[in-house]
Amino acid sequence: MMVSLLFASAAGLCRADNDARIIGRIGENWPTDSLRKASLYMVFNGNKAEELPAVSAGNETRIYSKVWDNLYVQVNTVTGDNGVASYKFSFSTDEAGEDTLASTDTQDGPSLLEVAATDFRSDDNFSNRPLKPGPGTPSDRGALRVIHYKNFSAIIRVLEFNIGDVNLNKKPYFKSLSVLVRVKEKGTDDKAAE
């Protein structure tokens, strides 16, 4: 019965107050790897994150976690009308997030580092936006983002979300969001290919 309800909801046959979907789960880290890899499972509930430090500044919150020595993932909330409209990811060499690192990717439009509730809703917020497989692009960010840096690459994979205010012409916001952030150090061959 649960499967038929999910199918009916996804097909637009019934309306719900929330958009809650599970996209998938994945894990990685192999003992045979010679380069550093890290996988961080992050769960956000509004401007709070499970078991991660957070610093508030007005309506916004900065949540951070150590990846490895001299590398931190920083997540800043962007508040909308009714809650957190998006989470902006960045990487820094310091815990305070003051020495941020620039990606080597060209910026054509919206950044792949921002996970926004509008990424998963139609333009008028009346229906859910179909998610294409594979990495997102600036014009269609999707659930998987691949970002390249000088010494590492980062993958942000949206695993599960619950979006509130899914009504016509309302501004959607995240009630909850879980992501897997995978960071992989680049070897000399990877750097030479850039």
Protein backbone atom coordinates (compact mmCIF):
# COMPACT_ATOMS: atom_id res chain seq x y z
CA MET A 1 0.00 0.00 0.00
CA MET A 2 2.88 2.37 0.80
CA VAL A 3 4.37 1.76 -2.65
CA SER A 4 1.07 2.61 -4.36
CA LEU A 5 0.75 5.81 -2.30
CA LEU A 6 4.27 6.87 -3.24
CA PHE A 7 3.60 6.06 -6.90
CA ALA A 8 0.33 8.01 -6.90
CA SER A 9 2.02 10.95 -5.22
CA ALA A 10 4.93 10.92 -7.69
CA ALA A 11 2.54 10.65 -10.62
CA GLY A 12 0.64 13.70 -9.40
CA LEU A 13 -2.60 11.79 -8.76
CA CYS A 14 -2.90 13.12 -5.22
CA ARG A 15 -1.70 16.28 -3.55
CA ALA A 16 0.33 16.35 -0.37
CA ASP A 17 1.44 19.20 1.87
CA ASN A 18 5.07 18.10 1.74
CA ASP A 19 7.48 16.75 -0.85
CA ALA A 20 9.38 13.93 0.85
CA ARG A 21 11.50 11.61 -1.29
CA ILE A 22 14.35 9.18 -0.65
CA ILE A 23 16.81 9.23 -3.53
CA GLY A 24 19.36 6.60 -2.57
CA ARG A 25 22.18 5.70 -0.23
CA ILE A 26 25.80 5.08 -1.06
CA GLY A 27 29.00 4.57 0.89
CA GLU A 28 32.69 4.48 -0.01
CA ASN A 29 36.20 4.10 1.49
CA TRP A 30 38.42 1.16 0.67
CA PRO A 31 41.44 0.01 2.67
CA THR A 32 43.47 -0.39 -0.54
CA ASP A 33 43.24 3.33 -1.47
CA SER A 34 46.57 5.18 -1.40
CA LEU A 35 45.03 8.65 -1.60
CA ARG A 36 42.88 10.14 1.13
CA LYS A 37 39.13 9.79 0.86
CA ALA A 38 36.46 10.92 3.26
CA SER A 39 32.71 10.39 3.29
CA LEU A 40 30.57 12.63 5.48
CA TYR A 41 26.90 11.89 6.03
CA MET A 42 25.21 15.17 6.98
CA VAL A 43 21.62 15.53 8.20
CA PHE A 44 20.07 19.00 8.41
CA ASN A 45 16.83 19.92 10.15
CA GLY A 46 16.29 23.58 9.30
CA ASN A 47 19.29 25.50 10.63
CA LYS A 48 20.52 22.61 12.79
CA ALA A 49 22.60 19.58 11.89
CA GLU A 50 22.85 16.30 13.73
CA GLU A 51 26.07 16.07 15.77
CA LEU A 52 27.85 18.94 13.94
CA PRO A 53 28.96 22.28 15.38
CA ALA A 54 26.98 25.32 14.26
CA VAL A 55 27.59 29.07 14.57
CA SER A 56 24.60 31.42 14.26
CA ALA A 57 24.77 34.92 12.79
CA GLY A 58 21.37 36.59 12.62
CA ASN A 59 18.95 34.38 10.66
CA GLU A 60 21.74 32.33 9.10
CA THR A 61 23.83 29.48 10.49
CA ARG A 62 27.24 28.13 9.51
CA ILE A 63 27.64 24.38 10.07
CA TYR A 64 31.06 22.81 9.62
CA SER A 65 32.98 19.56 9.85
CA LYS A 66 36.61 18.55 9.54
CA VAL A 67 37.37 16.48 6.44
CA TRP A 68 41.07 15.92 7.16
CA ASP A 69 44.01 18.06 8.35
CA ASN A 70 43.66 21.60 6.96
CA LEU A 71 40.41 20.86 5.10
CA TYR A 72 36.92 21.63 6.39
CA VAL A 73 33.50 21.51 4.74
CA GLN A 74 31.43 24.60 5.53
CA VAL A 75 27.65 24.75 5.08
CA ASN A 76 25.80 28.07 5.29
CA THR A 77 22.03 28.28 5.50
CA VAL A 78 20.04 30.70 3.35
CA THR A 79 16.73 31.54 4.99
CA GLY A 80 13.59 31.97 2.91
CA ASP A 81 10.10 33.09 3.88
CA ASN A 82 9.23 30.05 6.02
CA GLY A 83 12.51 28.25 6.67
CA VAL A 84 15.83 27.29 5.06
CA ALA A 85 15.51 27.78 1.30
CA SER A 86 18.99 26.41 0.55
CA TYR A 87 22.30 25.21 1.93
CA LYS A 88 25.52 26.61 0.46
CA PHE A 89 28.53 24.28 0.66
CA SER A 90 32.14 25.40 0.54
CA PHE A 91 35.55 24.14 1.62
CA SER A 92 38.14 25.97 3.66
CA THR A 93 41.56 25.36 5.17
CA ASP A 94 40.42 26.61 8.58
CA GLU A 95 37.65 25.74 11.03
CA ALA A 96 36.28 29.31 11.06
CA GLY A 97 35.65 29.20 7.30
CA GLU A 98 37.65 32.36 6.60
CA ASP A 99 40.17 30.84 4.17
CA THR A 100 37.78 29.40 1.57
CA LEU A 101 39.01 27.48 -1.47
CA ALA A 102 37.90 28.29 -5.00
CA SER A 103 36.86 25.48 -7.33
CA THR A 104 38.60 25.00 -10.66
CA ASP A 105 35.24 24.72 -12.42
CA THR A 106 33.96 27.63 -14.48
CA GLN A 107 30.89 29.32 -13.03
CA ASP A 108 28.15 29.49 -15.67
CA GLY A 109 25.01 30.33 -13.75
CA PRO A 110 23.98 28.93 -10.37
CA SER A 111 26.68 27.16 -8.39
CA LEU A 112 26.63 23.40 -7.96
CA LEU A 113 27.66 24.07 -4.34
CA GLU A 114 24.18 25.34 -3.45
CA VAL A 115 21.48 22.78 -2.68
CA ALA A 116 18.17 24.66 -2.94
CA ALA A 117 14.62 23.47 -2.35
CA THR A 118 13.69 24.97 -5.73
CA ASP A 119 16.10 22.48 -7.40
CA PHE A 120 13.51 19.76 -6.71
CA ARG A 121 10.27 21.63 -7.49
CA SER A 122 8.66 22.91 -10.71
CA ASP A 123 8.87 26.62 -11.54
CA ASP A 124 5.42 27.30 -10.06
CA ASN A 125 6.05 24.84 -7.17
CA PHE A 126 2.93 22.86 -8.11
CA SER A 127 4.67 19.54 -8.80
CA ASN A 128 7.99 17.83 -8.14
CA ARG A 129 10.73 18.23 -10.75
CA PRO A 130 11.86 14.94 -12.30
CA LEU A 131 15.46 14.16 -11.39
CA LYS A 132 17.78 13.16 -14.20
CA PRO A 133 20.49 10.58 -13.52
CA GLY A 134 24.13 11.57 -13.35
CA PRO A 135 25.88 14.76 -12.28
CA GLY A 136 23.95 18.00 -12.28
CA THR A 137 24.76 21.09 -14.33
CA PRO A 138 24.44 24.76 -13.37
CA SER A 139 21.14 24.93 -15.31
CA ASP A 140 19.79 21.67 -13.79
CA ARG A 141 21.62 21.00 -10.54
CA GLY A 142 19.82 17.79 -9.65
CA ALA A 143 20.67 15.47 -6.78
CA LEU A 144 24.35 14.83 -7.59
CA ARG A 145 26.97 17.57 -7.81
CA VAL A 146 30.65 17.06 -8.75
CA ILE A 147 33.03 19.93 -7.93
CA HIS A 148 36.76 20.02 -8.69
CA TYR A 149 39.45 21.75 -6.64
CA LYS A 150 43.20 21.98 -7.08
CA ASN A 151 44.08 19.13 -4.69
CA PHE A 152 40.80 17.24 -4.35
CA SER A 153 37.39 16.65 -5.86
CA ALA A 154 34.10 16.76 -3.96
CA ILE A 155 30.82 15.04 -4.65
CA ILE A 156 27.64 16.20 -2.95
CA ARG A 157 24.89 13.61 -3.26
CA VAL A 158 21.41 14.44 -1.96
CA LEU A 159 20.06 11.30 -0.31
CA GLU A 160 16.77 12.36 1.23
CA PHE A 161 14.77 15.54 1.70
CA ASN A 162 11.48 16.84 3.00
CA ILE A 163 10.31 20.09 1.43
CA GLY A 164 7.52 22.15 2.96
CA ASP A 165 5.11 24.62 1.32
CA VAL A 166 4.66 22.65 -1.90
CA ASN A 167 1.69 24.69 -3.09
CA LEU A 168 1.18 26.70 -6.28
CA ASN A 169 3.32 29.86 -6.33
CA LYS A 170 4.66 29.36 -2.79
CA LYS A 171 8.36 29.41 -2.03
CA PRO A 172 9.50 25.92 -0.99
CA TYR A 173 11.85 25.35 1.94
CA PHE A 174 13.65 22.38 3.45
CA LYS A 175 12.15 20.80 6.53
CA SER A 176 15.02 18.31 6.44
CA LEU A 177 17.85 17.33 4.12
CA SER A 178 20.43 14.56 4.22
CA VAL A 179 23.48 14.50 1.97
CA LEU A 180 26.59 12.42 1.50
CA VAL A 181 29.70 14.55 0.89
CA ARG A 182 32.55 12.52 -0.61
CA VAL A 183 35.98 14.11 -0.83
CA LYS A 184 38.83 12.46 -2.74
CA GLU A 185 42.40 13.68 -2.81
CA LYS A 186 43.90 14.03 -6.28
CA GLY A 187 47.09 12.24 -7.24
CA THR A 188 49.82 13.62 -9.50
CA ASP A 189 48.17 12.01 -12.55
CA ASP A 190 44.85 13.71 -11.73
CA LYS A 191 46.55 17.13 -11.42
CA ALA A 192 48.45 16.71 -14.71
CA ALA A 193 45.19 15.98 -16.55
CA GLU A 194 43.68 19.36 -15.60
